[in-house]
C-alpha atoms as a PDB file:
ATOM      1  CA  MET A   1      56.623 -16.747 -30.564  1.00  0.00           C
ATOM      2  CA  LEU A   2      54.115 -19.104 -28.941  1.00  0.00           C
ATOM      3  CA  GLN A   3      54.324 -17.099 -25.714  1.00  0.00           C
ATOM      4  CA  LYS A   4      53.520 -13.856 -27.536  1.00  0.00           C
ATOM      5  CA  LEU A   5      50.547 -15.527 -29.231  1.00  0.00           C
ATOM      6  CA  LYS A   6      49.211 -16.723 -25.882  1.00  0.00           C
ATOM      7  CA  ARG A   7      49.524 -13.206 -24.459  1.00  0.00           C
ATOM      8  CA  ARG A   8      47.609 -11.773 -27.441  1.00  0.00           C
ATOM      9  CA  VAL A   9      44.838 -14.358 -27.002  1.00  0.00           C
ATOM     10  CA  VAL A  10      44.550 -13.584 -23.273  1.00  0.00           C
ATOM     11  CA  LEU A  11      44.480  -9.850 -24.023  1.00  0.00           C
ATOM     12  CA  PHE A  12      41.788 -10.310 -26.689  1.00  0.00           C
ATOM     13  CA  VAL A  13      39.620 -12.434 -24.400  1.00  0.00           C
ATOM     14  CA  SER A  14      40.045  -9.916 -21.570  1.00  0.00           C
ATOM     15  CA  LEU A  15      39.010  -7.023 -23.808  1.00  0.00           C
ATOM     16  CA  LEU A  16      36.048  -9.016 -25.099  1.00  0.00           C
ATOM     17  CA  PHE A  17      34.969  -9.776 -21.532  1.00  0.00           C
ATOM     18  CA  LEU A  18      35.223  -6.133 -20.530  1.00  0.00           C
ATOM     19  CA  MET A  19      33.267  -5.012 -23.581  1.00  0.00           C
ATOM     20  CA  THR A  20      30.576  -7.641 -22.969  1.00  0.00           C
ATOM     21  CA  GLY A  21      30.407  -6.767 -19.313  1.00  0.00           C
ATOM     22  CA  SER A  22      29.976  -3.079 -20.113  1.00  0.00           C
ATOM     23  CA  PHE A  23      27.256  -3.933 -22.604  1.00  0.00           C
ATOM     24  CA  LEU A  24      25.431  -6.090 -20.124  1.00  0.00           C
ATOM     25  CA  TYR A  25      25.733  -3.436 -17.447  1.00  0.00           C
ATOM     26  CA  SER A  26      24.354  -0.875 -19.865  1.00  0.00           C
ATOM     27  CA  GLU A  27      21.484  -3.191 -20.732  1.00  0.00           C
ATOM     28  CA  THR A  28      20.745  -3.743 -17.047  1.00  0.00           C
ATOM     29  CA  LYS A  29      20.655  -0.013 -16.412  1.00  0.00           C
ATOM     30  CA  ASN A  30      18.308   0.471 -19.338  1.00  0.00           C
ATOM     31  CA  LEU A  31      15.980  -2.135 -17.866  1.00  0.00           C
ATOM     32  CA  GLU A  32      15.600  -0.113 -14.686  1.00  0.00           C
ATOM     33  CA  ILE A  33      11.930   0.547 -14.038  1.00  0.00           C
ATOM     34  CA  LYS A  34      11.165   4.243 -14.007  1.00  0.00           C
ATOM     35  CA  PRO A  35       8.210   6.051 -12.435  1.00  0.00           C
ATOM     36  CA  PHE A  36       5.120   5.966 -14.624  1.00  0.00           C
ATOM     37  CA  ALA A  37       2.005   8.077 -14.891  1.00  0.00           C
ATOM     38  CA  ARG A  38      -1.356   7.368 -13.331  1.00  0.00           C
ATOM     39  CA  ASP A  39      -3.513   5.702 -15.973  1.00  0.00           C
ATOM     40  CA  GLY A  40      -6.472   4.381 -13.964  1.00  0.00           C
ATOM     41  CA  PHE A  41      -8.348   7.651 -13.589  1.00  0.00           C
ATOM     42  CA  GLU A  42     -10.422   7.350 -16.770  1.00  0.00           C
ATOM     43  CA  THR A  43     -11.503   3.812 -15.868  1.00  0.00           C
ATOM     44  CA  LEU A  44     -12.501   5.028 -12.411  1.00  0.00           C
ATOM     45  CA  LYS A  45     -14.394   7.932 -13.940  1.00  0.00           C
ATOM     46  CA  ILE A  46     -16.338   5.640 -16.275  1.00  0.00           C
ATOM     47  CA  LYS A  47     -17.203   3.211 -13.472  1.00  0.00           C
ATOM     48  CA  LYS A  48     -18.506   6.018 -11.320  1.00  0.00           C
ATOM     49  CA  SER A  49     -20.551   7.542 -14.160  1.00  0.00           C
ATOM     50  CA  LYS A  50     -22.220   4.159 -14.657  1.00  0.00           C
ATOM     51  CA  LYS A  51     -22.760   3.857 -10.887  1.00  0.00           C
ATOM     52  CA  LYS A  52     -20.764   0.650 -10.686  1.00  0.00           C
ATOM     53  CA  ASN A  53     -19.381  -0.552  -7.377  1.00  0.00           C
ATOM     54  CA  LEU A  54     -15.993   0.805  -6.321  1.00  0.00           C
ATOM     55  CA  VAL A  55     -14.036  -1.423  -3.953  1.00  0.00           C
ATOM     56  CA  VAL A  56     -11.274  -0.296  -1.602  1.00  0.00           C
ATOM     57  CA  HIS A  57      -9.326  -3.178  -0.029  1.00  0.00           C
ATOM     58  CA  ILE A  58      -7.390  -2.241   3.115  1.00  0.00           C
ATOM     59  CA  PHE A  59      -4.649  -4.329   4.745  1.00  0.00           C
ATOM     60  CA  VAL A  60      -4.256  -3.614   8.466  1.00  0.00           C
ATOM     61  CA  PRO A  61      -1.523  -5.402  10.435  1.00  0.00           C
ATOM     62  CA  LEU A  62      -2.606  -5.034  14.062  1.00  0.00           C
ATOM     63  CA  CYS A  63      -0.268  -2.993  16.258  1.00  0.00           C
ATOM     64  CA  ASP A  64       2.074  -5.364  18.091  1.00  0.00           C
ATOM     65  CA  ASN A  65       4.608  -4.323  20.735  1.00  0.00           C
ATOM     66  CA  GLU A  66       6.296  -7.715  20.778  1.00  0.00           C
ATOM     67  CA  HIS A  67       6.646  -8.532  17.103  1.00  0.00           C
ATOM     68  CA  GLN A  68       6.963  -5.149  15.384  1.00  0.00           C
ATOM     69  CA  GLY A  69       9.815  -2.660  15.559  1.00  0.00           C
ATOM     70  CA  ILE A  70       7.657   0.127  16.968  1.00  0.00           C
ATOM     71  CA  VAL A  71       7.963   2.514  19.863  1.00  0.00           C
ATOM     72  CA  PRO A  72       5.925   0.484  22.376  1.00  0.00           C
ATOM     73  CA  VAL A  73       2.417   1.678  23.147  1.00  0.00           C
ATOM     74  CA  SER A  74       0.365   0.565  26.146  1.00  0.00           C
ATOM     75  CA  LYS A  75      -0.021  -3.170  26.569  1.00  0.00           C
ATOM     76  CA  ILE A  76      -3.725  -3.138  25.734  1.00  0.00           C
ATOM     77  CA  LEU A  77      -3.242  -1.094  22.535  1.00  0.00           C
ATOM     78  CA  GLY A  78      -0.214  -3.092  21.431  1.00  0.00           C
ATOM     79  CA  ASN A  79      -1.610  -6.609  21.707  1.00  0.00           C
ATOM     80  CA  GLY A  80      -1.511  -7.900  18.137  1.00  0.00           C
ATOM     81  CA  LEU A  81      -4.221 -10.469  18.790  1.00  0.00           C
ATOM     82  CA  ASP A  82      -6.732  -8.190  20.520  1.00  0.00           C
ATOM     83  CA  LEU A  83      -9.263  -6.958  17.957  1.00  0.00           C
ATOM     84  CA  ARG A  84     -11.363  -5.043  20.442  1.00  0.00           C
ATOM     85  CA  ASN A  85      -8.647  -2.774  21.834  1.00  0.00           C
ATOM     86  CA  ASN A  86      -5.893  -2.709  19.210  1.00  0.00           C
ATOM     87  CA  LEU A  87      -4.555   0.725  18.302  1.00  0.00           C
ATOM     88  CA  TYR A  88      -5.115   0.248  14.558  1.00  0.00           C
ATOM     89  CA  TRP A  89      -8.425  -1.616  14.740  1.00  0.00           C
ATOM     90  CA  GLY A  90     -10.658  -1.460  17.813  1.00  0.00           C
ATOM     91  CA  ALA A  91      -9.316   1.657  19.542  1.00  0.00           C
ATOM     92  CA  LEU A  92     -10.996   5.037  19.049  1.00  0.00           C
ATOM     93  CA  TYR A  93      -9.155   5.850  15.815  1.00  0.00           C
ATOM     94  CA  GLY A  94      -8.656   2.274  14.692  1.00  0.00           C
ATOM     95  CA  VAL A  95     -10.072   1.346  11.298  1.00  0.00           C
ATOM     96  CA  LYS A  96     -13.122  -0.572  12.486  1.00  0.00           C
ATOM     97  CA  THR A  97     -14.127   1.745  15.325  1.00  0.00           C
ATOM     98  CA  HIS A  98     -13.526   5.005  13.477  1.00  0.00           C
ATOM     99  CA  LEU A  99     -15.515   4.013  10.400  1.00  0.00           C
ATOM    100  CA  LYS A 100     -18.246   2.478  12.543  1.00  0.00           C
ATOM    101  CA  ARG A 101     -18.627   5.773  14.407  1.00  0.00           C
ATOM    102  CA  SER A 102     -18.762   7.737  11.166  1.00  0.00           C
ATOM    103  CA  LYS A 103     -22.173   8.943  10.015  1.00  0.00           C
ATOM    104  CA  LYS A 104     -21.090   8.570   6.404  1.00  0.00           C
ATOM    105  CA  TRP A 105     -20.237   4.863   6.393  1.00  0.00           C
ATOM    106  CA  LYS A 106     -22.503   1.919   7.194  1.00  0.00           C
ATOM    107  CA  LEU A 107     -21.168  -1.410   8.488  1.00  0.00           C
ATOM    108  CA  ILE A 108     -22.739  -4.167   6.367  1.00  0.00           C
ATOM    109  CA  TYR A 109     -20.435  -7.145   6.997  1.00  0.00           C
ATOM    110  CA  ASP A 110     -18.402  -8.374   9.940  1.00  0.00           C
ATOM    111  CA  LYS A 111     -16.780 -11.805  10.038  1.00  0.00           C
ATOM    112  CA  LYS A 112     -13.994 -13.160  12.209  1.00  0.00           C
ATOM    113  CA  ASN A 113     -11.279 -15.739  11.495  1.00  0.00           C
ATOM    114  CA  ILE A 114     -11.176 -15.289   7.737  1.00  0.00           C
ATOM    115  CA  SER A 115      -7.928 -17.280   7.628  1.00  0.00           C
ATOM    116  CA  ASP A 116      -4.987 -18.263   9.810  1.00  0.00           C
ATOM    117  CA  VAL A 117      -3.623 -14.720   9.535  1.00  0.00           C
ATOM    118  CA  VAL A 118      -6.732 -12.544   9.047  1.00  0.00           C
ATOM    119  CA  LEU A 119      -8.573 -12.259  12.351  1.00  0.00           C
ATOM    120  CA  GLU A 120     -11.479 -10.189  11.085  1.00  0.00           C
ATOM    121  CA  ARG A 121     -12.945  -8.672   7.928  1.00  0.00           C
ATOM    122  CA  VAL A 122     -15.363  -5.757   7.974  1.00  0.00           C
ATOM    123  CA  ILE A 123     -17.102  -4.085   5.048  1.00  0.00           C
ATOM    124  CA  PHE A 124     -18.479  -0.561   5.084  1.00  0.00           C
ATOM    125  CA  LYS A 125     -20.637   1.019   2.399  1.00  0.00           C
ATOM    126  CA  ARG A 126     -21.290   4.567   1.296  1.00  0.00           C
ATOM    127  CA  ASP A 127     -23.374   4.972  -1.873  1.00  0.00           C
ATOM    128  CA  ASN A 128     -21.659   2.616  -4.340  1.00  0.00           C
ATOM    129  CA  VAL A 129     -18.273   2.693  -2.587  1.00  0.00           C
ATOM    130  CA  TYR A 130     -17.250  -0.291  -0.441  1.00  0.00           C
ATOM    131  CA  ILE A 131     -14.389  -0.395   2.049  1.00  0.00           C
ATOM    132  CA  VAL A 132     -13.210  -3.939   2.764  1.00  0.00           C
ATOM    133  CA  ALA A 133     -10.787  -3.919   5.700  1.00  0.00           C
ATOM    134  CA  ASP A 134      -8.826  -6.965   6.841  1.00  0.00           C
ATOM    135  CA  ALA A 135      -7.269  -7.139  10.318  1.00  0.00           C
ATOM    136  CA  TYR A 136      -4.079  -9.232  10.188  1.00  0.00           C
ATOM    137  CA  ARG A 137      -2.473 -10.730  13.274  1.00  0.00           C
ATOM    138  CA  GLY A 138       0.212  -8.414  14.582  1.00  0.00           C
ATOM    139  CA  ASP A 139       2.777 -11.221  14.520  1.00  0.00           C
ATOM    140  CA  LYS A 140       2.078 -11.887  10.820  1.00  0.00           C
ATOM    141  CA  MET A 141       3.552  -8.763   9.268  1.00  0.00           C
ATOM    142  CA  LYS A 142       5.348 -10.738   6.551  1.00  0.00           C
ATOM    143  CA  GLU A 143       2.112 -12.410   5.510  1.00  0.00           C
ATOM    144  CA  THR A 144       0.357  -9.036   5.437  1.00  0.00           C
ATOM    145  CA  LEU A 145       3.017  -7.609   3.156  1.00  0.00           C
ATOM    146  CA  PHE A 146       2.976 -10.693   0.916  1.00  0.00           C
ATOM    147  CA  ASP A 147      -0.792 -10.379   0.437  1.00  0.00           C
ATOM    148  CA  TYR A 148      -0.559  -6.650  -0.171  1.00  0.00           C
ATOM    149  CA  PHE A 149       2.262  -6.975  -2.710  1.00  0.00           C
ATOM    150  CA  ASP A 150       0.571  -9.917  -4.443  1.00  0.00           C
ATOM    151  CA  SER A 151      -2.522  -7.746  -4.804  1.00  0.00           C
ATOM    152  CA  ILE A 152      -0.827  -4.752  -6.400  1.00  0.00           C
ATOM    153  CA  SER A 153       1.267  -7.075  -8.604  1.00  0.00           C
ATOM    154  CA  GLY A 154      -1.825  -8.742 -10.040  1.00  0.00           C
ATOM    155  CA  VAL A 155      -1.128 -12.137  -8.453  1.00  0.00           C
ATOM    156  CA  LYS A 156      -3.701 -12.684  -5.707  1.00  0.00           C
ATOM    157  CA  SER A 157      -7.457 -12.668  -6.277  1.00  0.00           C
ATOM    158  CA  ALA A 158     -10.641 -13.552  -4.394  1.00  0.00           C
ATOM    159  CA  LYS A 159     -14.220 -12.438  -3.894  1.00  0.00           C
ATOM    160  CA  VAL A 160     -16.397 -11.898  -0.864  1.00  0.00           C
ATOM    161  CA  ALA A 161     -20.084 -12.780  -1.115  1.00  0.00           C
ATOM    162  CA  LEU A 162     -22.714 -10.411   0.222  1.00  0.00           C
ATOM    163  CA  LYS A 163     -26.449 -10.997   0.304  1.00  0.00           C
ATOM    164  CA  LYS A 164     -27.200  -9.685  -3.183  1.00  0.00           C
ATOM    165  CA  GLU A 165     -23.779  -9.403  -4.812  1.00  0.00           C
ATOM    166  CA  SER A 166     -20.106 -10.171  -4.499  1.00  0.00           C
ATOM    167  CA  LEU A 167     -17.113  -7.881  -4.319  1.00  0.00           C
ATOM    168  CA  ALA A 168     -13.794  -8.516  -6.058  1.00  0.00           C
ATOM    169  CA  LEU A 169     -10.805  -8.125  -3.738  1.00  0.00           C
ATOM    170  CA  TYR A 170      -7.004  -8.056  -3.843  1.00  0.00           C
ATOM    171  CA  LYS A 171      -5.816  -7.500  -7.443  1.00  0.00           C
ATOM    172  CA  ASP A 172      -9.342  -6.688  -8.641  1.00  0.00           C
ATOM    173  CA  ALA A 173     -10.051  -3.972  -6.074  1.00  0.00           C
ATOM    174  CA  ASP A 174     -10.208  -0.438  -7.444  1.00  0.00           C
ATOM    175  CA  LEU A 175      -7.942   0.911  -4.705  1.00  0.00           C
ATOM    176  CA  THR A 176      -5.607  -0.973  -2.361  1.00  0.00           C
ATOM    177  CA  ILE A 177      -4.366   0.506   0.910  1.00  0.00           C
ATOM    178  CA  PHE A 178      -1.750  -0.664   3.404  1.00  0.00           C
ATOM    179  CA  ASN A 179      -2.398   0.915   6.818  1.00  0.00           C
ATOM    180  CA  GLY A 180      -0.222   0.316   9.866  1.00  0.00           C
ATOM    181  CA  HIS A 181       3.376  -0.078  10.974  1.00  0.00           C
ATOM    182  CA  ASN A 182       5.836   0.034   8.079  1.00  0.00           C
ATOM    183  CA  GLY A 183       6.869  -3.617   8.042  1.00  0.00           C
ATOM    184  CA  LEU A 184       9.649  -2.963   5.542  1.00  0.00           C
ATOM    185  CA  MET A 185      11.535  -1.312   8.375  1.00  0.00           C
ATOM    186  CA  ASP A 186      11.748  -4.777   9.934  1.00  0.00           C
ATOM    187  CA  TYR A 187      11.864  -7.099   6.919  1.00  0.00           C
ATOM    188  CA  SER A 188      13.405  -6.998   3.462  1.00  0.00           C
ATOM    189  CA  ILE A 189      10.553  -8.221   1.262  1.00  0.00           C
ATOM    190  CA  LYS A 190      10.363  -7.848  -2.510  1.00  0.00           C
ATOM    191  CA  ALA A 191       7.186  -7.632  -4.528  1.00  0.00           C
ATOM    192  CA  LYS A 192       6.707  -9.966  -7.470  1.00  0.00           C
ATOM    193  CA  ASN A 193       6.867  -8.580 -10.984  1.00  0.00           C
ATOM    194  CA  ASN A 194       3.575  -7.331 -12.342  1.00  0.00           C
ATOM    195  CA  GLU A 195       1.766 -10.240 -13.992  1.00  0.00           C
ATOM    196  CA  ASP A 196      -0.840  -8.601 -16.232  1.00  0.00           C
ATOM    197  CA  ASN A 197       0.635  -5.223 -17.191  1.00  0.00           C
ATOM    198  CA  LYS A 198      -2.199  -3.449 -15.376  1.00  0.00           C
ATOM    199  CA  THR A 199      -1.342  -0.381 -13.330  1.00  0.00           C
ATOM    200  CA  ARG A 200      -3.141  -0.468  -9.994  1.00  0.00           C
ATOM    201  CA  GLU A 201      -3.762   2.410  -7.603  1.00  0.00           C
ATOM    202  CA  THR A 202      -2.603   2.300  -4.013  1.00  0.00           C
ATOM    203  CA  ALA A 203      -1.962   4.318  -0.866  1.00  0.00           C
ATOM    204  CA  ILE A 204       0.404   3.397   1.959  1.00  0.00           C
ATOM    205  CA  ILE A 205      -0.238   4.907   5.380  1.00  0.00           C
ATOM    206  CA  GLY A 206       2.684   4.171   7.676  1.00  0.00           C
ATOM    207  CA  CYS A 207       5.975   5.788   8.663  1.00  0.00           C
ATOM    208  CA  LYS A 208       8.203   6.886   5.747  1.00  0.00           C
ATOM    209  CA  SER A 209       6.312   4.669   3.331  1.00  0.00           C
ATOM    210  CA  TYR A 210       7.455   6.351   0.100  1.00  0.00           C
ATOM    211  CA  LYS A 211      11.129   5.717   0.827  1.00  0.00           C
ATOM    212  CA  TYR A 212      10.655   2.088   1.855  1.00  0.00           C
ATOM    213  CA  PHE A 213       7.978   1.031  -0.653  1.00  0.00           C
ATOM    214  CA  LYS A 214       9.021   2.872  -3.824  1.00  0.00           C
ATOM    215  CA  SER A 215      11.070   0.089  -5.436  1.00  0.00           C
ATOM    216  CA  ASN A 216       8.351  -2.473  -4.764  1.00  0.00           C
ATOM    217  CA  LEU A 217       5.698  -0.191  -6.242  1.00  0.00           C
ATOM    218  CA  LEU A 218       7.766   0.116  -9.402  1.00  0.00           C
ATOM    219  CA  THR A 219       8.231  -3.647  -9.633  1.00  0.00           C
ATOM    220  CA  ALA A 220       4.545  -4.305  -9.012  1.00  0.00           C
ATOM    221  CA  LYS A 221       3.513  -1.486 -11.369  1.00  0.00           C
ATOM    222  CA  ALA A 222       1.356   0.159  -8.732  1.00  0.00           C
ATOM    223  CA  TYR A 223       0.774   3.897  -8.752  1.00  0.00           C
ATOM    224  CA  PRO A 224       1.162   5.611  -5.350  1.00  0.00           C
ATOM    225  CA  LEU A 225      -1.729   8.034  -4.974  1.00  0.00           C
ATOM    226  CA  VAL A 226      -0.628   8.947  -1.438  1.00  0.00           C
ATOM    227  CA  THR A 227       2.344   7.787   0.645  1.00  0.00           C
ATOM    228  CA  THR A 228       4.194   9.317   3.593  1.00  0.00           C
ATOM    229  CA  THR A 229       7.471  11.162   4.033  1.00  0.00           C
ATOM    230  CA  ASN A 230       8.208  10.851   7.755  1.00  0.00           C
ATOM    231  CA  TYR A 231       7.146   9.263  11.025  1.00  0.00           C
ATOM    232  CA  MET A 232       3.412   9.497  11.648  1.00  0.00           C
ATOM    233  CA  ALA A 233       0.403   7.857  13.312  1.00  0.00           C
ATOM    234  CA  PRO A 234      -1.365   5.602  10.771  1.00  0.00           C
ATOM    235  CA  GLU A 235      -4.845   6.116  12.154  1.00  0.00           C
ATOM    236  CA  ALA A 236      -8.115   5.672  10.294  1.00  0.00           C
ATOM    237  CA  TYR A 237      -9.067   9.321   9.782  1.00  0.00           C
ATOM    238  CA  VAL A 238      -6.233   9.560   7.240  1.00  0.00           C
ATOM    239  CA  LEU A 239      -7.395   6.634   5.111  1.00  0.00           C
ATOM    240  CA  GLU A 240     -11.001   7.859   5.334  1.00  0.00           C
ATOM    241  CA  ALA A 241      -9.976  11.273   4.021  1.00  0.00           C
ATOM    242  CA  ILE A 242      -8.024   9.696   1.156  1.00  0.00           C
ATOM    243  CA  VAL A 243     -10.852   7.330   0.205  1.00  0.00           C
ATOM    244  CA  ASN A 244     -13.441  10.131   0.273  1.00  0.00           C
ATOM    245  CA  SER A 245     -11.270  12.327  -1.943  1.00  0.00           C
ATOM    246  CA  TRP A 246     -10.512   9.440  -4.315  1.00  0.00           C
ATOM    247  CA  ALA A 247     -14.213   8.549  -4.611  1.00  0.00           C
ATOM    248  CA  ARG A 248     -14.959  12.177  -5.543  1.00  0.00           C
ATOM    249  CA  LEU A 249     -12.531  11.735  -8.464  1.00  0.00           C
ATOM    250  CA  GLU A 250     -10.118  14.307  -7.083  1.00  0.00           C
ATOM    251  CA  SER A 251      -6.445  14.542  -8.015  1.00  0.00           C
ATOM    252  CA  GLU A 252      -3.608  12.973  -6.072  1.00  0.00           C
ATOM    253  CA  LYS A 253      -2.654  16.444  -4.826  1.00  0.00           C
ATOM    254  CA  SER A 254      -6.177  16.935  -3.466  1.00  0.00           C
ATOM    255  CA  MET A 255      -5.960  13.543  -1.744  1.00  0.00           C
ATOM    256  CA  LYS A 256      -2.703  14.637  -0.125  1.00  0.00           C
ATOM    257  CA  ILE A 257      -4.275  17.882   1.077  1.00  0.00           C
ATOM    258  CA  SER A 258      -7.299  15.998   2.437  1.00  0.00           C
ATOM    259  CA  ALA A 259      -4.980  13.630   4.327  1.00  0.00           C
ATOM    260  CA  GLY A 260      -3.059  16.602   5.755  1.00  0.00           C
ATOM    261  CA  LYS A 261      -6.241  18.341   6.900  1.00  0.00           C
ATOM    262  CA  ALA A 262      -7.492  15.180   8.599  1.00  0.00           C
ATOM    263  CA  TYR A 263      -4.136  14.592  10.285  1.00  0.00           C
ATOM    264  CA  ASN A 264      -3.992  18.154  11.587  1.00  0.00           C
ATOM    265  CA  LYS A 265      -7.589  17.974  12.821  1.00  0.00           C
ATOM    266  CA  TYR A 266      -6.794  15.083  15.133  1.00  0.00           C
ATOM    267  CA  GLN A 267      -3.098  15.603  15.853  1.00  0.00           C
ATOM    268  CA  LYS A 268      -3.116  19.429  16.149  1.00  0.00           C
ATOM    269  CA  CYS A 269       0.342  19.661  14.573  1.00  0.00           C
ATOM    270  CA  GLY A 270      -0.254  22.519  12.131  1.00  0.00           C
ATOM    271  CA  LEU A 271      -1.723  22.196   8.653  1.00  0.00           C
ATOM    272  CA  ARG A 272       1.515  22.885   6.804  1.00  0.00           C
ATOM    273  CA  GLY A 273       3.495  20.314   8.747  1.00  0.00           C
ATOM    274  CA  ALA A 274       0.694  17.772   8.559  1.00  0.00           C
ATOM    275  CA  THR A 275       0.376  18.117   4.785  1.00  0.00           C
ATOM    276  CA  ARG A 276       4.122  17.738   4.326  1.00  0.00           C
ATOM    277  CA  LEU A 277       3.880  14.307   5.940  1.00  0.00           C
ATOM    278  CA  PHE A 278       2.221  13.066   2.757  1.00  0.00           C
ATOM    279  CA  GLN A 279       3.486  12.542  -0.780  1.00  0.00           C
ATOM    280  CA  ASP A 280       1.227  12.570  -3.832  1.00  0.00           C
ATOM    281  CA  GLY A 281       2.346  10.385  -6.719  1.00  0.00           C
ATOM    282  CA  TRP A 282       6.072  10.031  -7.424  1.00  0.00           C
ATOM    283  CA  LYS A 283       8.560  12.477  -6.003  1.00  0.00           C
ATOM    284  CA  ARG A 284       9.833  15.000  -8.506  1.00  0.00           C
ATOM    285  CA  GLU A 285      13.379  13.934  -9.294  1.00  0.00           C
ATOM    286  CA  LYS A 286      15.899  16.785  -9.321  1.00  0.00           C
END
């Protein structure tokens, strides 16, 4: 009799455990973060109508043959400490050189050794739009990603002082862009949970960025205006095209088309193929 009672108790506890486990699993699935809509457009529209400053903060990990999992480029282009010649910064289509050569953007700020990891910060202006670009050491990819994720999560903040005003960076920028080698191909880094329930706008220009960054964007509550679908060259003409389209208050689809046109112009790979390298917003789930 006692043995039967013990068996019934064990059976009851086992069933209770299974039921609880199923409930918890169901609750966990329900807590899964799902893609959300873009909700920053109206705020952007109002700021532009009032001619307020719009700030784009760009994170650029310098190309680095030694410390990044890339197909090696020439030694001079792939030196992650060489600002002057680096593929993503000082070379012809690097962020600093390309924007400096542009007739549309004016260089108004240039300062080196911003921190132990940021070798240089440049600021370009066009009307009331400011591009703040930070060149991170090529061997500090993790730190670059941490700063980028902390920005789109609403964690990191700072300002940069100009002669007559200051610009809000990181979490307070109007648009945040990661431009360079996809560091998540080398490191498994998770973004922090969004801290202020604010949806921020971002673009990620690097190989296969949508696939690798999607889960972190959901966690951070950052809306992907433009990401990428395949291997590509993250050169500055792409980010310039996206920023110009964004500043004109165009749709994400228009930003994607602008990026594709710019990529085809310089890479000569065909407009259709170039445009397909980019993803606007979230992918349509089948």
